[in-house]
Amino acid sequence: MMDSFILAALAVCSLTAPTCGDKGTSKARSCSDIRQFYSGKGFALDGVPQSEISGEHLRICPQGYTCCTSDMEDNLAVLSRREMEGLLKEAGRSLQTSLTGQYKVFDGYFLELLNRSAISLQETFTRTWGLLYSQNSQVFSDLYTDLRHYYRGSNINLEEVLNEFWARLLEKLFYQANKQYFIGEDYLECVSKQIETLRPFGDTPRAMKMMVTRTFVAARSFVQGLMVSGEVVRKVSQVQLSLECMRAMMRMTYCPHCRGMASARPCANYCSNVMKGCLANQADLNTEWRHLAETMMQVAGRFDGPSGVDDVVLSIPSRIAEAMFTMMENMHSINSKVRAHIGVLSTEPFEHFTLMNLLCPKVSDVTVSLRDMQPYWVSLPSVLCSDRVATGSGAEDKCWNGMNRARYLPEVMGDGLASQINNPEVEIDITKPDMTIRQQIMQLKIMTHRLKNALNGQDVDFQDASDDASGSGSGMCADNVCSRGPRLIAPVTDRPTLYPYLPENKKVKSSAASHNLPCIAMYLLPLLILLLRR
């Protein structure tokens, strides 16, 4: 009875030889395909099996029969990480190129506006003001130089630049109107410091300061936003993937080759979980990245319209001319040459309309790019999976799920580090975020803060600067400087002639006018005599 049972069992086993007993008794599957694949990746074939071997040695791939040794598994794992990091860098370079291109477009055009504005001022003022301009052209060129430096990111207080310009211009014009006298530097400085009270240029300095400050703060912050965005992409794209990610990428990418399933493509949800786990830290950039893009679009929206960047920059010459005309019109003593130019100045237009609205398409292009880049960090997993997952009819049941060709059952994880706590494919410690990426998140927050300040016309670098936009001066004179004006002395002749002080402006009263301070020479003369005797 027992003998007949044994014979029956042997007969059944002989009919099912491929699945019963020792695999070595049947013909092992050839590893020629993976040998060719492995060699094509640049690896030597030393130690690569000719046919399948037992896979107990594998630490990443399923431990069934395999064509991969431990060394092959390690090499392919490192390769899978290197290839994925290459794809991330390539995607980052593409976005960087876009941001750099938009930066160059806006930066080039804004500098062109500044150059056109400066050329317009030079040509028109030379024709209109003649020597009055040519002798004082440095005042105007310094203004444009400071504006360029500010836009380029120099640590300059823009309001102080404009205040200094109007003060210097007042000194030059006042001197020219009274050049028959010798006017001391102290007196000119005193006059310029009285600019708030004198208001020689009317309301133009206040209006121009408000418009120029808002425009340049916004433009500078905008280009800085483009540069910071590109730099964040560059640094984040260089972050090395974790060892856990490397293992997951190996299991998804090259383990099918080790199992003899080279044609098997990953299941869509399986690939999503691998990528979401690998790029969990990158996805945490999403919130601040979107905030930055949205704020930049708001700033870009300010560049259009009647007070847009074109109009403000190109109207600088006409606003300055208007201010100068106002001063000349109200000047009591003016020489004939300046009078000859007043009529021309009041009627000659400044042709700055030729470039108007040409910036709109350029800003519009930048805005479209900003809108398109908003979902970049959370869309990376789907982008990277799009050309590698199984597709077509029945793909869900025939795709590679990390173990075999079969349906992938786990649910897809959310975006970001905190959502990966139960990721079945990538083991992640959600309490240890990547510090490089955290630093870049902070950079995005800082840049967004700067842009929000720019929307209000505030330069974050100078938050303590005066908020007063009502004038262009820097306050009243010191008591010991403005108590009395200097003597105005005619050009030296054989016999010097003394002239009285300039008529006192009834609106300008020095706080020390009532104090008759002794002449400082009375104190200095004895000291000088003492020094000479030594």
Protein backbone atom coordinates (compact mmCIF):
# COMPACT_ATOMS: atom_id res chain seq x y z
CA MET A 1 0.00 0.00 0.00
CA MET A 2 2.78 2.41 0.99
CA ASP A 3 4.81 1.54 -2.13
CA SER A 4 1.89 2.33 -4.43
CA PHE A 5 1.43 5.75 -2.74
CA ILE A 6 5.10 6.65 -3.24
CA LEU A 7 4.94 5.65 -6.89
CA ALA A 8 1.85 7.81 -7.42
CA ALA A 9 3.54 10.81 -5.80
CA LEU A 10 6.61 10.44 -7.99
CA ALA A 11 4.41 10.26 -11.07
CA VAL A 12 2.65 13.53 -10.16
CA CYS A 13 5.97 15.23 -9.44
CA SER A 14 7.35 14.16 -12.79
CA LEU A 15 4.38 15.81 -14.52
CA THR A 16 4.98 19.08 -12.66
CA ALA A 17 8.78 19.20 -12.84
CA PRO A 18 9.08 22.99 -13.44
CA THR A 19 7.45 23.75 -10.10
CA CYS A 20 8.40 20.78 -7.95
CA GLY A 21 11.73 19.83 -6.54
CA ASP A 22 15.03 21.55 -7.19
CA LYS A 23 15.11 24.25 -9.86
CA GLY A 24 18.57 23.10 -10.76
CA THR A 25 17.15 19.91 -12.25
CA SER A 26 15.45 21.95 -15.02
CA LYS A 27 17.08 24.21 -17.60
CA ALA A 28 17.75 27.66 -16.05
CA ARG A 29 16.66 30.80 -17.94
CA SER A 30 19.41 32.62 -19.84
CA CYS A 31 20.69 36.01 -18.60
CA SER A 32 21.85 37.14 -22.04
CA ASP A 33 19.40 40.07 -22.13
CA ILE A 34 20.53 41.61 -18.86
CA ARG A 35 24.18 40.95 -19.71
CA GLN A 36 23.72 43.03 -22.84
CA PHE A 37 21.76 45.68 -20.91
CA TYR A 38 24.29 45.80 -18.07
CA SER A 39 27.21 46.11 -20.48
CA GLY A 40 25.36 48.88 -22.33
CA LYS A 41 25.24 50.86 -19.08
CA GLY A 42 29.03 50.83 -18.98
CA PHE A 43 29.60 48.03 -16.48
CA ALA A 44 32.04 45.12 -16.89
CA LEU A 45 30.58 41.64 -17.33
CA ASP A 46 32.94 40.04 -14.83
CA GLY A 47 30.86 38.02 -12.40
CA VAL A 48 27.59 38.49 -14.30
CA PRO A 49 25.82 35.10 -14.40
CA GLN A 50 25.11 33.38 -17.70
CA SER A 51 21.83 32.02 -16.36
CA GLU A 52 19.50 32.66 -13.43
CA ILE A 53 20.72 32.08 -9.90
CA SER A 54 19.01 31.99 -6.52
CA GLY A 55 18.29 35.50 -5.20
CA GLU A 56 18.73 35.11 -1.44
CA HIS A 57 21.63 37.56 -1.58
CA LEU A 58 19.52 40.46 -2.89
CA ARG A 59 18.86 43.34 -0.48
CA ILE A 60 16.62 45.53 -2.64
CA CYS A 61 14.99 43.42 -5.35
CA PRO A 62 12.60 40.49 -4.66
CA GLN A 63 14.59 37.42 -3.62
CA GLY A 64 13.35 35.04 -6.30
CA TYR A 65 15.48 33.60 -9.08
CA THR A 66 17.51 36.41 -10.60
CA CYS A 67 20.22 37.38 -13.05
CA CYS A 68 21.69 40.01 -10.68
CA THR A 69 24.47 39.57 -8.17
CA SER A 70 24.90 41.77 -5.10
CA ASP A 71 27.46 43.91 -6.91
CA MET A 72 25.13 44.32 -9.87
CA GLU A 73 22.30 45.34 -7.57
CA ASP A 74 24.52 47.93 -5.87
CA ASN A 75 25.81 49.31 -9.18
CA LEU A 76 22.34 49.57 -10.69
CA ALA A 77 21.00 51.21 -7.51
CA VAL A 78 23.66 53.91 -7.67
CA LEU A 79 22.96 54.30 -11.38
CA SER A 80 19.22 54.70 -10.78
CA ARG A 81 19.86 57.51 -8.28
CA ARG A 82 22.35 59.22 -10.58
CA GLU A 83 19.93 59.07 -13.49
CA MET A 84 17.08 60.46 -11.40
CA GLU A 85 19.25 63.28 -10.08
CA GLY A 86 20.19 64.01 -13.68
CA LEU A 87 16.52 64.23 -14.65
CA LEU A 88 15.84 66.59 -11.74
CA LYS A 89 18.75 68.81 -12.73
CA GLU A 90 17.59 68.82 -16.34
CA ALA A 91 14.07 69.81 -15.30
CA GLY A 92 15.56 72.49 -13.05
CA ARG A 93 17.78 73.81 -15.84
CA SER A 94 14.76 74.13 -18.09
CA LEU A 95 12.95 76.25 -15.50
CA GLN A 96 16.13 78.20 -14.75
CA THR A 97 16.55 78.95 -18.44
CA SER A 98 12.99 80.26 -18.59
CA LEU A 99 13.46 82.46 -15.51
CA THR A 100 16.83 83.72 -16.76
CA GLY A 101 15.31 84.52 -20.12
CA GLN A 102 12.48 86.48 -18.53
CA TYR A 103 14.98 88.31 -16.32
CA LYS A 104 17.09 89.30 -19.33
CA VAL A 105 14.04 90.52 -21.23
CA PHE A 106 12.79 92.73 -18.42
CA ASP A 107 16.24 93.85 -17.26
CA GLY A 108 17.34 94.75 -20.77
CA TYR A 109 14.23 96.72 -21.48
CA PHE A 110 14.26 98.59 -18.16
CA LEU A 111 17.89 99.62 -18.68
CA GLU A 112 16.99 100.66 -22.21
CA LEU A 113 14.25 102.87 -20.77
CA LEU A 114 16.77 104.47 -18.42
CA ASN A 115 19.24 105.04 -21.26
CA ARG A 116 16.56 106.52 -23.52
CA SER A 117 15.42 108.77 -20.71
CA ALA A 118 18.98 109.97 -20.05
CA ILE A 119 19.63 110.56 -23.76
CA SER A 120 16.33 112.43 -24.11
CA LEU A 121 17.26 114.68 -21.21
CA GLN A 122 20.74 115.35 -22.57
CA GLU A 123 19.57 116.15 -26.09
CA THR A 124 16.61 118.29 -25.08
CA PHE A 125 18.33 120.13 -22.25
CA THR A 126 21.36 120.88 -24.44
CA ARG A 127 19.06 122.36 -27.05
CA THR A 128 16.85 124.17 -24.56
CA TRP A 129 19.09 125.27 -21.70
CA GLY A 130 22.44 125.55 -23.45
CA LEU A 131 25.30 126.50 -21.12
CA LEU A 132 23.08 126.33 -18.07
CA TYR A 133 22.77 122.58 -18.70
CA SER A 134 26.26 121.87 -20.03
CA GLN A 135 27.91 123.55 -17.04
CA ASN A 136 25.79 121.53 -14.62
CA SER A 137 25.26 118.30 -16.57
CA GLN A 138 27.01 116.29 -13.84
CA VAL A 139 24.02 116.84 -11.55
CA PHE A 140 21.74 115.07 -14.03
CA SER A 141 24.18 112.32 -15.00
CA ASP A 142 24.75 111.56 -11.30
CA LEU A 143 21.01 111.14 -10.85
CA TYR A 144 20.78 108.55 -13.62
CA THR A 145 23.92 106.80 -12.35
CA ASP A 146 22.39 106.50 -8.88
CA LEU A 147 19.11 105.25 -10.35
CA ARG A 148 20.96 102.54 -12.28
CA HIS A 149 22.97 101.54 -9.23
CA TYR A 150 19.84 101.35 -7.12
CA TYR A 151 18.07 99.20 -9.71
CA ARG A 152 21.12 96.94 -9.86
CA GLY A 153 20.84 96.31 -6.13
CA SER A 154 23.29 98.79 -4.60
CA ASN A 155 22.70 99.75 -0.98
CA ILE A 156 21.31 103.19 -1.83
CA ASN A 157 18.44 105.07 -0.24
CA LEU A 158 16.40 106.15 -3.24
CA GLU A 159 14.58 108.96 -1.44
CA GLU A 160 17.89 110.44 -0.31
CA VAL A 161 19.17 110.26 -3.90
CA LEU A 162 16.20 112.27 -5.14
CA ASN A 163 16.40 114.75 -2.26
CA GLU A 164 20.09 115.28 -2.97
CA PHE A 165 19.39 115.81 -6.66
CA TRP A 166 16.84 118.56 -6.05
CA ALA A 167 19.08 120.22 -3.46
CA ARG A 168 22.05 120.27 -5.85
CA LEU A 169 19.88 121.50 -8.71
CA LEU A 170 18.59 124.33 -6.53
CA GLU A 171 22.15 125.35 -5.66
CA LYS A 172 23.23 125.35 -9.32
CA LEU A 173 20.23 127.31 -10.57
CA PHE A 174 20.40 129.80 -7.74
CA TYR A 175 24.08 130.37 -8.42
CA GLN A 176 23.49 130.85 -12.15
CA ALA A 177 20.72 133.34 -11.50
CA ASN A 178 23.03 135.35 -9.28
CA LYS A 179 26.38 134.68 -10.89
CA GLN A 180 27.30 138.36 -10.92
CA TYR A 181 28.12 137.78 -7.26
CA PHE A 182 30.63 135.57 -5.52
CA ILE A 183 28.41 133.27 -3.47
CA GLY A 184 30.05 131.10 -0.85
CA GLU A 185 29.47 127.36 -0.58
CA ASP A 186 28.03 127.77 2.91
CA TYR A 187 25.38 130.13 1.66
CA LEU A 188 24.45 127.82 -1.22
CA GLU A 189 24.20 124.91 1.18
CA CYS A 190 21.99 126.98 3.40
CA VAL A 191 19.71 127.81 0.48
CA SER A 192 19.43 124.13 -0.49
CA LYS A 193 18.53 123.16 3.06
CA GLN A 194 15.69 125.66 2.98
CA ILE A 195 14.12 123.85 0.04
CA GLU A 196 11.09 122.71 2.03
CA THR A 197 10.23 126.28 2.89
CA LEU A 198 11.19 127.83 -0.43
CA ARG A 199 9.47 125.17 -2.58
CA PRO A 200 11.25 126.54 -5.67
CA PHE A 201 10.20 123.61 -7.87
CA GLY A 202 6.56 123.58 -6.88
CA ASP A 203 4.92 120.19 -6.36
CA THR A 204 7.09 118.36 -8.90
CA PRO A 205 9.70 116.94 -6.45
CA ARG A 206 7.03 115.39 -4.25
CA ALA A 207 5.10 113.88 -7.17
CA MET A 208 8.24 112.67 -8.94
CA LYS A 209 9.68 111.16 -5.77
CA MET A 210 6.51 109.21 -5.12
CA MET A 211 6.27 107.85 -8.68
CA VAL A 212 9.98 107.15 -9.18
CA THR A 213 10.31 105.47 -5.78
CA ARG A 214 7.33 103.20 -6.36
CA THR A 215 8.47 102.28 -9.86
CA PHE A 216 12.12 101.62 -9.07
CA VAL A 217 11.39 99.73 -5.85
CA ALA A 218 8.96 97.53 -7.76
CA ALA A 219 11.30 97.02 -10.73
CA ARG A 220 14.28 96.17 -8.52
CA SER A 221 12.27 93.77 -6.38
CA PHE A 222 10.78 92.17 -9.49
CA VAL A 223 14.12 91.34 -11.11
CA GLN A 224 15.44 90.19 -7.74
CA GLY A 225 12.43 87.89 -7.50
CA LEU A 226 13.30 86.36 -10.86
CA MET A 227 16.93 85.89 -9.81
CA VAL A 228 16.02 84.41 -6.42
CA SER A 229 13.56 82.02 -8.07
CA GLY A 230 16.23 80.77 -10.46
CA GLU A 231 18.75 80.39 -7.66
CA VAL A 232 16.27 78.41 -5.54
CA VAL A 233 15.64 76.05 -8.45
CA ARG A 234 19.38 75.61 -9.01
CA LYS A 235 20.17 74.80 -5.39
CA VAL A 236 17.19 72.51 -4.84
CA SER A 237 17.90 70.63 -8.08
CA GLN A 238 21.36 69.79 -6.74
CA VAL A 239 20.08 68.20 -3.52
CA GLN A 240 21.21 64.57 -3.39
CA LEU A 241 18.49 61.94 -3.16
CA SER A 242 18.41 59.84 0.00
CA LEU A 243 19.54 56.21 0.31
CA GLU A 244 15.92 55.19 0.86
CA CYS A 245 14.98 56.93 -2.37
CA MET A 246 17.84 55.18 -4.16
CA ARG A 247 16.54 51.80 -3.03
CA ALA A 248 13.01 52.66 -4.14
CA MET A 249 14.23 53.89 -7.53
CA MET A 250 16.27 50.71 -8.00
CA ARG A 251 13.30 48.51 -7.12
CA MET A 252 11.08 50.36 -9.58
CA THR A 253 13.57 50.84 -12.42
CA TYR A 254 16.02 47.95 -12.61
CA CYS A 255 14.65 45.12 -10.48
CA PRO A 256 12.38 44.08 -13.38
CA HIS A 257 15.54 43.53 -15.46
CA CYS A 258 16.99 41.33 -12.73
CA ARG A 259 13.78 39.27 -12.76
CA GLY A 260 13.87 38.86 -16.54
CA MET A 261 10.98 41.31 -17.05
CA ALA A 262 12.81 44.05 -18.91
CA SER A 263 9.67 45.09 -20.78
CA ALA A 264 7.62 45.55 -17.61
CA ARG A 265 6.81 49.19 -16.88
CA PRO A 266 5.88 50.53 -13.43
CA CYS A 267 2.26 50.88 -12.39
CA ALA A 268 1.16 54.52 -12.43
CA ASN A 269 0.26 54.72 -8.73
CA TYR A 270 3.39 52.81 -7.80
CA CYS A 271 5.57 55.33 -9.64
CA SER A 272 3.66 58.20 -8.02
CA ASN A 273 4.36 56.90 -4.53
CA VAL A 274 8.04 56.40 -5.28
CA MET A 275 8.40 59.91 -6.69
CA LYS A 276 6.32 61.56 -3.98
CA GLY A 277 8.49 59.87 -1.38
CA CYS A 278 11.74 60.79 -3.10
CA LEU A 279 10.64 64.40 -3.67
CA ALA A 280 8.78 64.95 -0.41
CA ASN A 281 11.05 67.79 0.73
CA GLN A 282 10.93 69.47 -2.67
CA ALA A 283 7.13 69.43 -2.58
CA ASP A 284 7.23 71.46 0.64
CA LEU A 285 8.46 74.39 -1.45
CA ASN A 286 5.05 74.55 -3.09
CA THR A 287 3.30 76.97 -0.73
CA GLU A 288 5.99 79.64 -0.63
CA TRP A 289 6.80 79.13 -4.31
CA ARG A 290 3.18 79.90 -5.20
CA HIS A 291 3.11 82.89 -2.87
CA LEU A 292 6.21 84.31 -4.55
CA ALA A 293 4.84 83.77 -8.06
CA GLU A 294 1.48 85.34 -7.16
CA THR A 295 3.13 88.37 -5.57
CA MET A 296 5.43 88.83 -8.56
CA MET A 297 2.40 88.79 -10.85
CA GLN A 298 0.80 91.49 -8.70
CA VAL A 299 3.95 93.60 -8.99
CA ALA A 300 4.05 93.03 -12.75
CA GLY A 301 0.48 94.29 -12.92
CA ARG A 302 1.69 97.65 -11.61
CA PHE A 303 4.00 98.11 -14.60
CA ASP A 304 1.08 98.84 -16.92
CA GLY A 305 -1.20 101.86 -17.09
CA PRO A 306 -0.71 105.64 -16.93
CA SER A 307 1.72 105.39 -14.01
CA GLY A 308 3.48 102.34 -15.43
CA VAL A 309 7.20 101.86 -15.71
CA ASP A 310 7.42 103.23 -19.27
CA ASP A 311 5.65 106.47 -18.46
CA VAL A 312 7.49 107.09 -15.19
CA VAL A 313 11.03 106.48 -16.47
CA LEU A 314 10.60 108.26 -19.79
CA SER A 315 8.87 111.27 -18.22
CA ILE A 316 11.75 112.06 -15.85
CA PRO A 317 13.25 114.70 -18.22
CA SER A 318 9.94 116.52 -18.72
CA ARG A 319 9.24 116.53 -14.97
CA ILE A 320 12.66 117.99 -14.22
CA ALA A 321 12.20 120.58 -16.97
CA GLU A 322 8.82 121.52 -15.54
CA ALA A 323 10.40 121.98 -12.11
CA MET A 324 13.24 124.10 -13.51
CA PHE A 325 10.78 126.24 -15.43
CA THR A 326 8.77 126.77 -12.26
CA MET A 327 11.88 127.96 -10.44
CA MET A 328 13.00 130.22 -13.26
CA GLU A 329 9.55 131.67 -13.58
CA ASN A 330 9.64 132.65 -9.94
CA MET A 331 13.23 133.90 -9.88
CA HIS A 332 13.51 137.66 -9.27
CA SER A 333 17.01 138.07 -10.63
CA ILE A 334 17.72 136.18 -13.82
CA ASN A 335 20.18 136.83 -16.59
CA SER A 336 19.15 137.44 -20.16
CA LYS A 337 20.48 134.11 -21.49
CA VAL A 338 18.27 132.12 -19.12
CA ARG A 339 15.28 134.37 -19.98
CA ALA A 340 15.83 133.57 -23.65
CA HIS A 341 15.30 129.87 -22.97
CA ILE A 342 12.17 130.12 -20.84
CA GLY A 343 9.78 130.44 -23.75
CA VAL A 344 11.36 127.47 -25.58
CA LEU A 345 11.22 125.30 -22.48
CA SER A 346 7.57 125.94 -21.87
CA THR A 347 6.50 125.00 -25.40
CA GLU A 348 8.86 122.22 -26.51
CA PRO A 349 7.49 118.72 -25.86
CA PHE A 350 9.59 115.82 -24.64
CA GLU A 351 9.19 112.97 -27.08
CA HIS A 352 8.99 109.97 -24.78
CA PHE A 353 5.84 108.48 -26.26
CA THR A 354 7.58 106.35 -28.88
CA LEU A 355 8.36 103.60 -26.38
CA MET A 356 5.09 103.75 -24.49
CA ASN A 357 3.34 100.42 -23.92
CA LEU A 358 6.14 98.44 -25.56
CA LEU A 359 6.82 96.85 -22.19
CA CYS A 360 3.32 95.41 -21.92
CA PRO A 361 3.92 92.31 -24.10
CA LYS A 362 7.22 91.66 -22.31
CA VAL A 363 5.64 91.85 -18.86
CA SER A 364 2.75 89.76 -20.13
CA ASP A 365 5.19 87.04 -21.22
CA VAL A 366 6.82 87.06 -17.79
CA THR A 367 3.41 86.86 -16.12
CA VAL A 368 2.45 83.83 -18.21
CA SER A 369 5.72 82.12 -17.25
CA LEU A 370 5.14 82.89 -13.58
CA ARG A 371 1.65 81.44 -13.76
CA ASP A 372 2.89 78.31 -15.51
CA MET A 373 5.65 77.68 -12.99
CA GLN A 374 3.40 77.82 -9.90
CA PRO A 375 2.71 74.05 -9.63
CA TYR A 376 6.29 73.08 -10.55
CA TRP A 377 7.36 71.37 -7.32
CA VAL A 378 4.23 69.29 -6.75
CA SER A 379 3.94 68.39 -10.44
CA LEU A 380 7.44 66.89 -10.61
CA PRO A 381 6.32 63.35 -9.63
CA SER A 382 3.71 63.16 -12.39
CA VAL A 383 6.08 64.75 -14.92
CA LEU A 384 8.86 62.27 -14.12
CA CYS A 385 6.45 59.33 -14.19
CA SER A 386 4.67 60.36 -17.38
CA ASP A 387 7.05 58.66 -19.81
CA ARG A 388 7.92 55.58 -17.78
CA VAL A 389 4.67 54.08 -16.47
CA ALA A 390 2.63 51.34 -18.11
CA THR A 391 -0.18 52.53 -20.35
CA GLY A 392 -2.80 51.02 -22.61
CA SER A 393 -5.54 48.44 -22.21
CA GLY A 394 -5.12 46.24 -19.15
CA ALA A 395 -1.97 48.06 -18.08
CA GLU A 396 -3.05 48.15 -14.44
CA ASP A 397 -3.00 44.36 -14.24
CA LYS A 398 0.24 43.80 -16.18
CA CYS A 399 2.45 46.57 -14.79
CA TRP A 400 5.40 46.20 -12.43
CA ASN A 401 4.30 46.80 -8.83
CA GLY A 402 7.70 46.39 -7.18
CA MET A 403 7.38 42.63 -6.74
CA ASN A 404 5.89 41.24 -9.93
CA ARG A 405 3.59 41.94 -12.86
CA ALA A 406 0.32 42.65 -11.10
CA ARG A 407 -2.06 45.39 -10.00
CA TYR A 408 -0.69 47.94 -7.51
CA LEU A 409 -3.04 48.10 -4.52
CA PRO A 410 -1.76 50.79 -2.06
CA GLU A 411 -3.29 54.26 -2.26
CA VAL A 412 -1.36 57.23 -3.60
CA MET A 413 0.20 59.49 -0.96
CA GLY A 414 -0.29 63.25 -0.76
CA ASP A 415 2.35 65.89 -1.45
CA GLY A 416 5.00 67.01 1.00
CA LEU A 417 7.06 65.49 3.78
CA ALA A 418 4.27 65.13 6.36
CA SER A 419 2.12 63.14 3.92
CA GLN A 420 4.76 60.41 3.51
CA ILE A 421 4.43 58.95 6.99
CA ASN A 422 2.71 55.85 5.56
CA ASN A 423 4.40 55.75 2.16
CA PRO A 424 4.81 52.02 1.38
CA GLU A 425 7.67 52.55 -1.08
CA VAL A 426 10.06 55.07 0.49
CA GLU A 427 10.92 54.99 4.17
CA ILE A 428 11.14 58.60 5.38
CA ASP A 429 11.72 60.22 8.75
CA ILE A 430 9.28 63.11 8.54
CA THR A 431 10.88 64.74 11.59
CA LYS A 432 14.13 65.37 9.71
CA PRO A 433 13.52 67.71 6.78
CA ASP A 434 16.29 68.52 4.32
CA MET A 435 18.02 71.65 5.62
CA THR A 436 19.12 72.93 2.21
CA ILE A 437 15.52 72.95 1.04
CA ARG A 438 14.34 74.56 4.30
CA GLN A 439 16.84 77.36 3.70
CA GLN A 440 15.45 77.89 0.22
CA ILE A 441 11.91 78.01 1.60
CA MET A 442 13.09 80.82 3.88
CA GLN A 443 14.62 82.63 0.88
CA LEU A 444 11.27 82.46 -0.88
CA LYS A 445 9.53 83.91 2.18
CA ILE A 446 12.02 86.78 2.40
CA MET A 447 11.67 87.59 -1.29
CA THR A 448 7.89 87.51 -1.08
CA HIS A 449 8.06 89.93 1.85
CA ARG A 450 10.24 92.29 -0.20
CA LEU A 451 7.79 92.17 -3.09
CA LYS A 452 4.82 92.88 -0.84
CA ASN A 453 6.67 95.91 0.47
CA ALA A 454 7.34 96.93 -3.12
CA LEU A 455 3.60 96.85 -3.82
CA ASN A 456 3.29 99.58 -1.20
CA GLY A 457 6.26 101.52 -2.56
CA GLN A 458 8.40 100.57 0.43
CA ASP A 459 11.98 99.43 0.09
CA VAL A 460 12.61 96.79 2.74
CA ASP A 461 16.26 97.82 2.91
CA PHE A 462 15.28 101.25 4.18
CA GLN A 463 12.28 100.72 6.42
CA ASP A 464 13.52 103.41 8.80
CA ALA A 465 13.73 106.03 6.07
CA SER A 466 11.40 108.98 6.35
CA ASP A 467 7.92 108.30 5.05
CA ASP A 468 7.47 111.96 4.23
CA ALA A 469 6.80 112.36 0.54
CA SER A 470 5.77 115.98 0.71
CA GLY A 471 9.01 117.64 -0.35
CA SER A 472 12.54 117.29 -1.55
CA GLY A 473 14.64 118.95 1.13
CA SER A 474 16.39 117.73 4.21
CA GLY A 475 15.37 120.29 6.81
CA MET A 476 16.30 123.75 8.04
CA CYS A 477 19.83 125.09 8.39
CA ALA A 478 21.88 124.84 11.54
CA ASP A 479 21.84 127.93 13.70
CA ASN A 480 25.53 128.67 13.32
CA VAL A 481 25.35 128.48 9.53
CA CYS A 482 22.22 130.40 8.62
CA SER A 483 22.10 133.17 11.16
CA ARG A 484 23.13 135.57 8.43
CA GLY A 485 23.82 135.24 4.75
CA PRO A 486 27.34 135.79 3.47
CA ARG A 487 28.39 139.00 1.82
CA LEU A 488 27.91 138.89 -1.93
CA ILE A 489 31.03 140.34 -3.48
CA ALA A 490 31.32 141.40 -7.08
CA PRO A 491 34.19 140.07 -9.20
CA VAL A 492 37.55 141.29 -7.97
CA THR A 493 38.78 144.54 -9.59
CA ASP A 494 41.58 146.93 -8.73
CA ARG A 495 39.50 148.17 -5.85
CA PRO A 496 37.11 145.71 -4.21
CA THR A 497 33.55 146.88 -3.85
CA LEU A 498 31.30 145.53 -1.13
CA TYR A 499 27.67 144.80 -1.86
CA PRO A 500 24.87 144.46 0.65
CA TYR A 501 23.36 141.10 1.55
CA LEU A 502 20.80 139.64 -0.77
CA PRO A 503 17.27 140.75 0.06
CA GLU A 504 15.93 138.51 2.77
CA ASN A 505 13.13 136.19 1.76
CA LYS A 506 10.29 137.02 4.11
CA LYS A 507 9.26 133.39 4.11
CA VAL A 508 12.68 132.21 5.22
CA LYS A 509 13.53 133.01 8.81
CA SER A 510 16.47 131.43 10.53
CA SER A 511 15.85 130.16 14.01
CA ALA A 512 18.95 132.03 15.10
CA ALA A 513 18.29 135.26 13.25
CA SER A 514 17.68 137.12 16.49
CA HIS A 515 21.06 136.09 17.93
CA ASN A 516 23.99 138.41 17.18
CA LEU A 517 26.82 135.94 17.48
CA PRO A 518 30.34 137.42 17.82
CA CYS A 519 32.51 137.01 14.79
CA ILE A 520 34.48 133.80 15.04
CA ALA A 521 37.55 135.65 13.79
CA MET A 522 37.75 137.42 17.16
CA TYR A 523 38.49 134.05 18.75
CA LEU A 524 40.70 132.69 16.01
CA LEU A 525 42.99 135.73 15.62
CA PRO A 526 44.74 135.45 19.04
CA LEU A 527 45.19 131.72 18.48
CA LEU A 528 46.74 132.35 15.07
CA ILE A 529 49.17 134.94 16.50
CA LEU A 530 50.17 132.52 19.24
CA LEU A 531 50.89 129.77 16.72
CA LEU A 532 52.96 132.08 14.52
CA ARG A 533 55.16 133.07 17.47
CA ARG A 534 56.13 129.44 18.14
